[in-house]
PDB file of all heavy atoms in Angstrom:
ATOM      1  N   HIS A   1      99.659  -7.015 172.877  1.00  0.00           N
ATOM      2  CA  HIS A   1      99.292  -5.632 173.174  1.00  0.00           C
ATOM      3  C   HIS A   1     100.452  -4.632 173.212  1.00  0.00           C
ATOM      4  O   HIS A   1     100.204  -3.421 173.112  1.00  0.00           O
ATOM      5  CB  HIS A   1      98.567  -5.570 174.525  1.00  0.00           C
ATOM      6  CG  HIS A   1      97.330  -6.398 174.589  1.00  0.00           C
ATOM      7  ND1 HIS A   1      96.142  -6.014 173.995  1.00  0.00           N
ATOM      8  CD2 HIS A   1      97.101  -7.619 175.163  1.00  0.00           C
ATOM      9  CE1 HIS A   1      95.225  -6.947 174.214  1.00  0.00           C
ATOM     10  NE2 HIS A   1      95.776  -7.928 174.911  1.00  0.00           N
ATOM     11  N   ILE A   2     101.686  -5.092 173.373  1.00  0.00           N
ATOM     12  CA  ILE A   2     102.809  -4.176 173.596  1.00  0.00           C
ATOM     13  C   ILE A   2     103.766  -4.131 172.409  1.00  0.00           C
ATOM     14  O   ILE A   2     104.267  -3.050 172.050  1.00  0.00           O
ATOM     15  CB  ILE A   2     103.570  -4.545 174.889  1.00  0.00           C
ATOM     16  CG1 ILE A   2     102.618  -4.497 176.107  1.00  0.00           C
ATOM     17  CG2 ILE A   2     104.746  -3.620 175.101  1.00  0.00           C
ATOM     18  CD1 ILE A   2     102.034  -3.140 176.411  1.00  0.00           C
ATOM     19  N   ILE A   3     104.036  -5.250 171.787  1.00  0.00           N
ATOM     20  CA  ILE A   3     104.901  -5.238 170.614  1.00  0.00           C
ATOM     21  C   ILE A   3     104.171  -4.565 169.458  1.00  0.00           C
ATOM     22  O   ILE A   3     103.027  -4.892 169.144  1.00  0.00           O
ATOM     23  CB  ILE A   3     105.314  -6.675 170.216  1.00  0.00           C
ATOM     24  CG1 ILE A   3     106.239  -7.272 171.281  1.00  0.00           C
ATOM     25  CG2 ILE A   3     106.021  -6.672 168.860  1.00  0.00           C
ATOM     26  CD1 ILE A   3     106.626  -8.712 171.020  1.00  0.00           C
ATOM     27  N   ASP A   4     104.846  -3.611 168.840  1.00  0.00           N
ATOM     28  CA  ASP A   4     104.270  -2.883 167.708  1.00  0.00           C
ATOM     29  C   ASP A   4     104.649  -3.624 166.420  1.00  0.00           C
ATOM     30  O   ASP A   4     105.742  -3.418 165.880  1.00  0.00           O
ATOM     31  CB  ASP A   4     104.796  -1.448 167.686  1.00  0.00           C
ATOM     32  CG  ASP A   4     104.100  -0.578 166.642  1.00  0.00           C
ATOM     33  OD1 ASP A   4     103.496  -1.134 165.711  1.00  0.00           O
ATOM     34  OD2 ASP A   4     104.187   0.662 166.764  1.00  0.00           O
ATOM     35  N   SER A   5     103.769  -4.478 165.944  1.00  0.00           N
ATOM     36  CA  SER A   5     104.076  -5.306 164.776  1.00  0.00           C
ATOM     37  C   SER A   5     104.140  -4.486 163.492  1.00  0.00           C
ATOM     38  O   SER A   5     104.736  -4.923 162.499  1.00  0.00           O
ATOM     39  CB  SER A   5     103.025  -6.412 164.629  1.00  0.00           C
ATOM     40  OG  SER A   5     101.723  -5.865 164.520  1.00  0.00           O
ATOM     41  N   LYS A   6     103.556  -3.277 163.513  1.00  0.00           N
ATOM     42  CA  LYS A   6     103.571  -2.434 162.320  1.00  0.00           C
ATOM     43  C   LYS A   6     104.809  -1.536 162.262  1.00  0.00           C
ATOM     44  O   LYS A   6     105.513  -1.494 161.247  1.00  0.00           O
ATOM     45  CB  LYS A   6     102.310  -1.561 162.275  1.00  0.00           C
ATOM     46  CG  LYS A   6     102.261  -0.617 161.080  1.00  0.00           C
ATOM     47  CD  LYS A   6     101.008   0.257 161.117  1.00  0.00           C
ATOM     48  CE  LYS A   6     100.993   1.246 159.952  1.00  0.00           C
ATOM     49  NZ  LYS A   6      99.791   2.133 160.003  1.00  0.00           N
ATOM     50  N   ASN A   7     105.070  -0.806 163.352  1.00  0.00           N
ATOM     51  CA  ASN A   7     106.131   0.201 163.358  1.00  0.00           C
ATOM     52  C   ASN A   7     107.388  -0.219 164.099  1.00  0.00           C
ATOM     53  O   ASN A   7     108.376   0.505 164.119  1.00  0.00           O
ATOM     54  CB  ASN A   7     105.603   1.506 163.952  1.00  0.00           C
ATOM     55  CG  ASN A   7     104.547   2.144 163.076  1.00  0.00           C
ATOM     56  OD1 ASN A   7     104.677   2.173 161.863  1.00  0.00           O
ATOM     57  ND2 ASN A   7     103.486   2.648 163.697  1.00  0.00           N
ATOM     58  N   GLY A   8     107.365  -1.381 164.731  1.00  0.00           N
ATOM     59  CA  GLY A   8     108.544  -1.885 165.409  1.00  0.00           C
ATOM     60  C   GLY A   8     108.653  -1.500 166.874  1.00  0.00           C
ATOM     61  O   GLY A   8     107.967  -0.613 167.365  1.00  0.00           O
ATOM     62  N   GLU A   9     109.537  -2.194 167.596  1.00  0.00           N
ATOM     63  CA  GLU A   9     109.793  -1.997 169.017  1.00  0.00           C
ATOM     64  C   GLU A   9     108.544  -2.286 169.846  1.00  0.00           C
ATOM     65  O   GLU A   9     107.613  -2.937 169.380  1.00  0.00           O
ATOM     66  CB  GLU A   9     110.353  -0.589 169.288  1.00  0.00           C
ATOM     67  CG  GLU A   9     111.740  -0.596 169.937  1.00  0.00           C
ATOM     68  CD  GLU A   9     111.729  -0.741 171.453  1.00  0.00           C
ATOM     69  OE1 GLU A   9     110.665  -0.796 172.082  1.00  0.00           O
ATOM     70  OE2 GLU A   9     112.843  -0.782 172.032  1.00  0.00           O
ATOM     71  N   TRP A  10     108.543  -1.851 171.084  1.00  0.00           N
ATOM     72  CA  TRP A  10     107.410  -2.014 171.994  1.00  0.00           C
ATOM     73  C   TRP A  10     106.794  -0.642 172.233  1.00  0.00           C
ATOM     74  O   TRP A  10     107.512   0.348 172.361  1.00  0.00           O
ATOM     75  CB  TRP A  10     107.847  -2.601 173.331  1.00  0.00           C
ATOM     76  CG  TRP A  10     108.379  -4.004 173.271  1.00  0.00           C
ATOM     77  CD1 TRP A  10     108.851  -4.668 172.176  1.00  0.00           C
ATOM     78  CD2 TRP A  10     108.525  -4.890 174.383  1.00  0.00           C
ATOM     79  NE1 TRP A  10     109.287  -5.920 172.528  1.00  0.00           N
ATOM     80  CE2 TRP A  10     109.090  -6.093 173.879  1.00  0.00           C
ATOM     81  CE3 TRP A  10     108.234  -4.806 175.733  1.00  0.00           C
ATOM     82  CZ2 TRP A  10     109.374  -7.184 174.704  1.00  0.00           C
ATOM     83  CZ3 TRP A  10     108.524  -5.888 176.559  1.00  0.00           C
ATOM     84  CH2 TRP A  10     109.064  -7.071 176.038  1.00  0.00           C
ATOM     85  N   VAL A  11     105.481  -0.584 172.318  1.00  0.00           N
ATOM     86  CA  VAL A  11     104.821   0.675 172.649  1.00  0.00           C
ATOM     87  C   VAL A  11     105.015   0.959 174.133  1.00  0.00           C
ATOM     88  O   VAL A  11     105.406   0.088 174.910  1.00  0.00           O
ATOM     89  CB  VAL A  11     103.313   0.634 172.301  1.00  0.00           C
ATOM     90  CG1 VAL A  11     103.114   0.369 170.819  1.00  0.00           C
ATOM     91  CG2 VAL A  11     102.578  -0.404 173.144  1.00  0.00           C
ATOM     92  N   TRP A  12     104.739   2.200 174.502  1.00  0.00           N
ATOM     93  CA  TRP A  12     104.866   2.576 175.913  1.00  0.00           C
ATOM     94  C   TRP A  12     103.919   1.762 176.785  1.00  0.00           C
ATOM     95  O   TRP A  12     104.303   1.284 177.847  1.00  0.00           O
ATOM     96  CB  TRP A  12     104.567   4.063 176.065  1.00  0.00           C
ATOM     97  CG  TRP A  12     104.743   4.576 177.466  1.00  0.00           C
ATOM     98  CD1 TRP A  12     103.917   4.373 178.529  1.00  0.00           C
ATOM     99  CD2 TRP A  12     105.834   5.371 177.940  1.00  0.00           C
ATOM    100  NE1 TRP A  12     104.414   4.996 179.646  1.00  0.00           N
ATOM    101  CE2 TRP A  12     105.595   5.616 179.303  1.00  0.00           C
ATOM    102  CE3 TRP A  12     106.972   5.907 177.342  1.00  0.00           C
ATOM    103  CZ2 TRP A  12     106.463   6.374 180.090  1.00  0.00           C
ATOM    104  CZ3 TRP A  12     107.846   6.663 178.126  1.00  0.00           C
ATOM    105  CH2 TRP A  12     107.580   6.886 179.484  1.00  0.00           C
ATOM    106  N   GLY A  13     102.689   1.620 176.328  1.00  0.00           N
ATOM    107  CA  GLY A  13     101.725   0.884 177.119  1.00  0.00           C
ATOM    108  C   GLY A  13     100.318   1.065 176.600  1.00  0.00           C
ATOM    109  O   GLY A  13     100.089   1.704 175.575  1.00  0.00           O
ATOM    110  N   VAL A  14      99.377   0.486 177.346  1.00  0.00           N
ATOM    111  CA  VAL A  14      97.966   0.594 176.985  1.00  0.00           C
ATOM    112  C   VAL A  14      97.174   1.084 178.195  1.00  0.00           C
ATOM    113  O   VAL A  14      97.546   0.863 179.345  1.00  0.00           O
ATOM    114  CB  VAL A  14      97.391  -0.750 176.490  1.00  0.00           C
ATOM    115  CG1 VAL A  14      98.035  -1.150 175.165  1.00  0.00           C
ATOM    116  CG2 VAL A  14      97.564  -1.856 177.527  1.00  0.00           C
ATOM    117  N   HIS A  15      96.060   1.772 177.896  1.00  0.00           N
ATOM    118  CA  HIS A  15      95.154   2.237 178.936  1.00  0.00           C
ATOM    119  C   HIS A  15      94.301   1.073 179.466  1.00  0.00           C
ATOM    120  O   HIS A  15      94.392  -0.050 178.975  1.00  0.00           O
ATOM    121  CB  HIS A  15      94.244   3.326 178.372  1.00  0.00           C
ATOM    122  CG  HIS A  15      94.964   4.580 177.996  1.00  0.00           C
ATOM    123  ND1 HIS A  15      95.476   5.455 178.925  1.00  0.00           N
ATOM    124  CD2 HIS A  15      95.247   5.116 176.768  1.00  0.00           C
ATOM    125  CE1 HIS A  15      96.047   6.474 178.307  1.00  0.00           C
ATOM    126  NE2 HIS A  15      95.932   6.303 177.001  1.00  0.00           N
ATOM    127  N   ALA A  16      93.487   1.391 180.456  1.00  0.00           N
ATOM    128  CA  ALA A  16      92.638   0.366 181.066  1.00  0.00           C
ATOM    129  C   ALA A  16      91.732  -0.318 180.054  1.00  0.00           C
ATOM    130  O   ALA A  16      91.430  -1.508 180.190  1.00  0.00           O
ATOM    131  CB  ALA A  16      91.811   0.991 182.187  1.00  0.00           C
ATOM    132  N   ASP A  17      91.299   0.417 179.030  1.00  0.00           N
ATOM    133  CA  ASP A  17      90.424  -0.169 178.015  1.00  0.00           C
ATOM    134  C   ASP A  17      91.192  -0.859 176.896  1.00  0.00           C
ATOM    135  O   ASP A  17      90.604  -1.305 175.907  1.00  0.00           O
ATOM    136  CB  ASP A  17      89.497   0.908 177.428  1.00  0.00           C
ATOM    137  CG  ASP A  17      90.262   2.015 176.708  1.00  0.00           C
ATOM    138  OD1 ASP A  17      91.514   1.954 176.646  1.00  0.00           O
ATOM    139  OD2 ASP A  17      89.598   2.954 176.217  1.00  0.00           O
ATOM    140  N   GLY A  18      92.516  -0.946 177.018  1.00  0.00           N
ATOM    141  CA  GLY A  18      93.332  -1.617 176.022  1.00  0.00           C
ATOM    142  C   GLY A  18      93.807  -0.737 174.894  1.00  0.00           C
ATOM    143  O   GLY A  18      94.555  -1.190 174.022  1.00  0.00           O
ATOM    144  N   SER A  19      93.403   0.537 174.887  1.00  0.00           N
ATOM    145  CA  SER A  19      93.827   1.445 173.822  1.00  0.00           C
ATOM    146  C   SER A  19      95.259   1.919 174.044  1.00  0.00           C
ATOM    147  O   SER A  19      95.746   1.986 175.176  1.00  0.00           O
ATOM    148  CB  SER A  19      92.888   2.649 173.741  1.00  0.00           C
ATOM    149  OG  SER A  19      92.907   3.392 174.960  1.00  0.00           O
ATOM    150  N   LEU A  20      95.928   2.260 172.965  1.00  0.00           N
ATOM    151  CA  LEU A  20      97.327   2.678 172.992  1.00  0.00           C
ATOM    152  C   LEU A  20      97.511   3.987 173.755  1.00  0.00           C
ATOM    153  O   LEU A  20      96.723   4.927 173.599  1.00  0.00           O
ATOM    154  CB  LEU A  20      97.820   2.855 171.551  1.00  0.00           C
ATOM    155  CG  LEU A  20      99.241   3.402 171.365  1.00  0.00           C
ATOM    156  CD1 LEU A  20     100.273   2.392 171.830  1.00  0.00           C
ATOM    157  CD2 LEU A  20      99.465   3.775 169.900  1.00  0.00           C
ATOM    158  N   MET A  21      98.570   4.073 174.544  1.00  0.00           N
ATOM    159  CA  MET A  21      98.955   5.330 175.188  1.00  0.00           C
ATOM    160  C   MET A  21      99.747   6.131 174.157  1.00  0.00           C
ATOM    161  O   MET A  21     100.973   6.273 174.221  1.00  0.00           O
ATOM    162  CB  MET A  21      99.768   5.044 176.450  1.00  0.00           C
ATOM    163  CG  MET A  21      98.992   4.261 177.507  1.00  0.00           C
ATOM    164  SD  MET A  21      99.985   3.801 178.966  1.00  0.00           S
ATOM    165  CE  MET A  21     100.238   5.417 179.721  1.00  0.00           C
ATOM    166  N   ALA A  22      99.013   6.655 173.179  1.00  0.00           N
ATOM    167  CA  ALA A  22      99.628   7.208 171.969  1.00  0.00           C
ATOM    168  C   ALA A  22     100.407   8.493 172.214  1.00  0.00           C
ATOM    169  O   ALA A  22     101.253   8.876 171.404  1.00  0.00           O
ATOM    170  CB  ALA A  22      98.545   7.447 170.920  1.00  0.00           C
ATOM    171  N   HIS A  23     100.138   9.187 173.323  1.00  0.00           N
ATOM    172  CA  HIS A  23     100.833  10.435 173.607  1.00  0.00           C
ATOM    173  C   HIS A  23     102.240  10.199 174.150  1.00  0.00           C
ATOM    174  O   HIS A  23     103.031  11.132 174.248  1.00  0.00           O
ATOM    175  CB  HIS A  23     100.031  11.243 174.626  1.00  0.00           C
ATOM    176  CG  HIS A  23      99.884  10.563 175.953  1.00  0.00           C
ATOM    177  ND1 HIS A  23      99.102   9.439 176.125  1.00  0.00           N
ATOM    178  CD2 HIS A  23     100.430  10.832 177.159  1.00  0.00           C
ATOM    179  CE1 HIS A  23      99.172   9.048 177.395  1.00  0.00           C
ATOM    180  NE2 HIS A  23      99.969   9.869 178.032  1.00  0.00           N
ATOM    181  N   GLU A  24     102.556   8.967 174.491  1.00  0.00           N
ATOM    182  CA  GLU A  24     103.862   8.656 175.051  1.00  0.00           C
ATOM    183  C   GLU A  24     104.880   8.361 173.945  1.00  0.00           C
ATOM    184  O   GLU A  24     104.531   8.181 172.786  1.00  0.00           O
ATOM    185  CB  GLU A  24     103.749   7.446 175.991  1.00  0.00           C
ATOM    186  CG  GLU A  24     102.825   7.651 177.179  1.00  0.00           C
ATOM    187  CD  GLU A  24     103.402   8.587 178.241  1.00  0.00           C
ATOM    188  OE1 GLU A  24     104.526   9.088 178.043  1.00  0.00           O
ATOM    189  OE2 GLU A  24     102.734   8.801 179.262  1.00  0.00           O
ATOM    190  N   ASP A  25     106.134   8.281 174.324  1.00  0.00           N
ATOM    191  CA  ASP A  25     107.211   8.104 173.361  1.00  0.00           C
ATOM    192  C   ASP A  25     107.397   6.643 172.953  1.00  0.00           C
ATOM    193  O   ASP A  25     107.157   5.725 173.749  1.00  0.00           O
ATOM    194  CB  ASP A  25     108.540   8.592 173.955  1.00  0.00           C
ATOM    195  CG  ASP A  25     108.558  10.078 174.253  1.00  0.00           C
ATOM    196  OD1 ASP A  25     107.829  10.824 173.573  1.00  0.00           O
ATOM    197  OD2 ASP A  25     109.304  10.493 175.169  1.00  0.00           O
ATOM    198  N   LYS A  26     107.887   6.447 171.731  1.00  0.00           N
ATOM    199  CA  LYS A  26     108.482   5.169 171.339  1.00  0.00           C
ATOM    200  C   LYS A  26     109.974   5.194 171.677  1.00  0.00           C
ATOM    201  O   LYS A  26     110.564   4.191 172.057  1.00  0.00           O
ATOM    202  CB  LYS A  26     108.260   4.926 169.843  1.00  0.00           C
ATOM    203  CG  LYS A  26     108.917   3.660 169.283  1.00  0.00           C
ATOM    204  CD  LYS A  26     108.217   2.379 169.728  1.00  0.00           C
ATOM    205  CE  LYS A  26     106.850   2.196 169.144  1.00  0.00           C
ATOM    206  NZ  LYS A  26     106.846   1.905 167.726  1.00  0.00           N
ATOM    207  N   VAL A  27     110.580   6.356 171.517  1.00  0.00           N
ATOM    208  CA  VAL A  27     111.958   6.633 171.926  1.00  0.00           C
ATOM    209  C   VAL A  27     111.944   7.955 172.677  1.00  0.00           C
ATOM    210  O   VAL A  27     111.283   8.898 172.240  1.00  0.00           O
ATOM    211  CB  VAL A  27     112.897   6.746 170.703  1.00  0.00           C
ATOM    212  CG1 VAL A  27     114.273   7.270 171.115  1.00  0.00           C
ATOM    213  CG2 VAL A  27     113.023   5.412 169.987  1.00  0.00           C
ATOM    214  N   GLY A  28     112.626   8.048 173.802  1.00  0.00           N
ATOM    215  CA  GLY A  28     112.620   9.302 174.541  1.00  0.00           C
ATOM    216  C   GLY A  28     113.509   9.253 175.760  1.00  0.00           C
ATOM    217  O   GLY A  28     114.270   8.300 175.968  1.00  0.00           O
ATOM    218  N   ILE A  29     113.404  10.281 176.589  1.00  0.00           N
ATOM    219  CA  ILE A  29     114.200  10.387 177.804  1.00  0.00           C
ATOM    220  C   ILE A  29     114.114   9.101 178.619  1.00  0.00           C
ATOM    221  O   ILE A  29     115.093   8.629 179.185  1.00  0.00           O
ATOM    222  CB  ILE A  29     113.724  11.593 178.650  1.00  0.00           C
ATOM    223  CG1 ILE A  29     114.103  12.921 177.976  1.00  0.00           C
ATOM    224  CG2 ILE A  29     114.300  11.540 180.061  1.00  0.00           C
ATOM    225  CD1 ILE A  29     115.560  13.296 178.077  1.00  0.00           C
ATOM    226  N   TRP A  30     112.898   8.516 178.672  1.00  0.00           N
ATOM    227  CA  TRP A  30     112.667   7.309 179.472  1.00  0.00           C
ATOM    228  C   TRP A  30     112.455   6.053 178.639  1.00  0.00           C
ATOM    229  O   TRP A  30     112.587   4.947 179.162  1.00  0.00           O
ATOM    230  CB  TRP A  30     111.452   7.521 180.385  1.00  0.00           C
ATOM    231  CG  TRP A  30     111.720   8.506 181.464  1.00  0.00           C
ATOM    232  CD1 TRP A  30     111.260   9.785 181.555  1.00  0.00           C
ATOM    233  CD2 TRP A  30     112.557   8.313 182.615  1.00  0.00           C
ATOM    234  NE1 TRP A  30     111.739  10.397 182.672  1.00  0.00           N
ATOM    235  CE2 TRP A  30     112.541   9.519 183.345  1.00  0.00           C
ATOM    236  CE3 TRP A  30     113.300   7.242 183.084  1.00  0.00           C
ATOM    237  CZ2 TRP A  30     113.238   9.683 184.531  1.00  0.00           C
ATOM    238  CZ3 TRP A  30     114.014   7.410 184.257  1.00  0.00           C
ATOM    239  CH2 TRP A  30     113.980   8.614 184.970  1.00  0.00           C
ATOM    240  N   LYS A  31     112.102   6.206 177.382  1.00  0.00           N
ATOM    241  CA  LYS A  31     111.760   5.028 176.554  1.00  0.00           C
ATOM    242  C   LYS A  31     113.015   4.566 175.815  1.00  0.00           C
ATOM    243  O   LYS A  31     113.427   5.170 174.842  1.00  0.00           O
ATOM    244  CB  LYS A  31     110.625   5.379 175.590  1.00  0.00           C
ATOM    245  CG  LYS A  31     110.128   4.192 174.773  1.00  0.00           C
ATOM    246  CD  LYS A  31     109.516   3.111 175.650  1.00  0.00           C
ATOM    247  CE  LYS A  31     108.714   2.110 174.833  1.00  0.00           C
ATOM    248  NZ  LYS A  31     109.492   1.473 173.784  1.00  0.00           N
ATOM    249  N   CYS A  32     113.583   3.508 176.310  1.00  0.00           N
ATOM    250  CA  CYS A  32     114.918   3.079 175.889  1.00  0.00           C
ATOM    251  C   CYS A  32     114.927   1.559 175.654  1.00  0.00           C
ATOM    252  O   CYS A  32     114.036   0.846 176.106  1.00  0.00           O
ATOM    253  CB  CYS A  32     115.934   3.409 176.971  1.00  0.00           C
ATOM    254  SG  CYS A  32     115.729   5.032 177.752  1.00  0.00           S
ATOM    255  N   PRO A  33     115.978   1.026 175.006  1.00  0.00           N
ATOM    256  CA  PRO A  33     116.062  -0.414 174.763  1.00  0.00           C
ATOM    257  C   PRO A  33     116.722  -1.151 175.927  1.00  0.00           C
ATOM    258  O   PRO A  33     117.697  -1.890 175.744  1.00  0.00           O
ATOM    259  CB  PRO A  33     116.931  -0.487 173.508  1.00  0.00           C
ATOM    260  CG  PRO A  33     117.890   0.635 173.689  1.00  0.00           C
ATOM    261  CD  PRO A  33     117.097   1.737 174.360  1.00  0.00           C
ATOM    262  N   TYR A  34     116.199  -0.945 177.113  1.00  0.00           N
ATOM    263  CA  TYR A  34     116.848  -1.474 178.321  1.00  0.00           C
ATOM    264  C   TYR A  34     116.001  -2.556 178.970  1.00  0.00           C
ATOM    265  O   TYR A  34     116.400  -3.716 179.011  1.00  0.00           O
ATOM    266  CB  TYR A  34     117.130  -0.315 179.267  1.00  0.00           C
ATOM    267  CG  TYR A  34     117.247  -0.638 180.738  1.00  0.00           C
ATOM    268  CD1 TYR A  34     118.304  -1.382 181.232  1.00  0.00           C
ATOM    269  CD2 TYR A  34     116.299  -0.158 181.641  1.00  0.00           C
ATOM    270  CE1 TYR A  34     118.412  -1.658 182.586  1.00  0.00           C
ATOM    271  CE2 TYR A  34     116.401  -0.420 182.987  1.00  0.00           C
ATOM    272  CZ  TYR A  34     117.458  -1.180 183.466  1.00  0.00           C
ATOM    273  OH  TYR A  34     117.558  -1.446 184.796  1.00  0.00           O
ATOM    274  N   HIS A  35     114.816  -2.215 179.426  1.00  0.00           N
ATOM    275  CA  HIS A  35     113.985  -3.204 180.098  1.00  0.00           C
ATOM    276  C   HIS A  35     113.676  -4.384 179.184  1.00  0.00           C
ATOM    277  O   HIS A  35     113.786  -5.543 179.592  1.00  0.00           O
ATOM    278  CB  HIS A  35     112.678  -2.567 180.577  1.00  0.00           C
ATOM    279  CG  HIS A  35     112.844  -1.588 181.689  1.00  0.00           C
ATOM    280  ND1 HIS A  35     113.089  -1.973 182.990  1.00  0.00           N
ATOM    281  CD2 HIS A  35     112.800  -0.239 181.704  1.00  0.00           C
ATOM    282  CE1 HIS A  35     113.180  -0.901 183.759  1.00  0.00           C
ATOM    283  NE2 HIS A  35     113.013   0.164 183.005  1.00  0.00           N
ATOM    284  N   ASN A  36     113.265  -4.103 177.948  1.00  0.00           N
ATOM    285  CA  ASN A  36     112.842  -5.213 177.097  1.00  0.00           C
ATOM    286  C   ASN A  36     114.022  -6.025 176.565  1.00  0.00           C
ATOM    287  O   ASN A  36     113.948  -7.260 176.499  1.00  0.00           O
ATOM    288  CB  ASN A  36     111.926  -4.733 175.966  1.00  0.00           C
ATOM    289  CG  ASN A  36     112.465  -3.574 175.168  1.00  0.00           C
ATOM    290  OD1 ASN A  36     113.575  -3.090 175.389  1.00  0.00           O
ATOM    291  ND2 ASN A  36     111.681  -3.099 174.207  1.00  0.00           N
TER     292      ASN A  36
END
């Protein structure tokens, strides 16, 4: 659910129904290559 096999890296997350939190960043102020 989190690894983006098409576009790379990890997505921000998923909603309760499993859909992508598409409005969030792949790279941004908070989305960084740190936690993963």
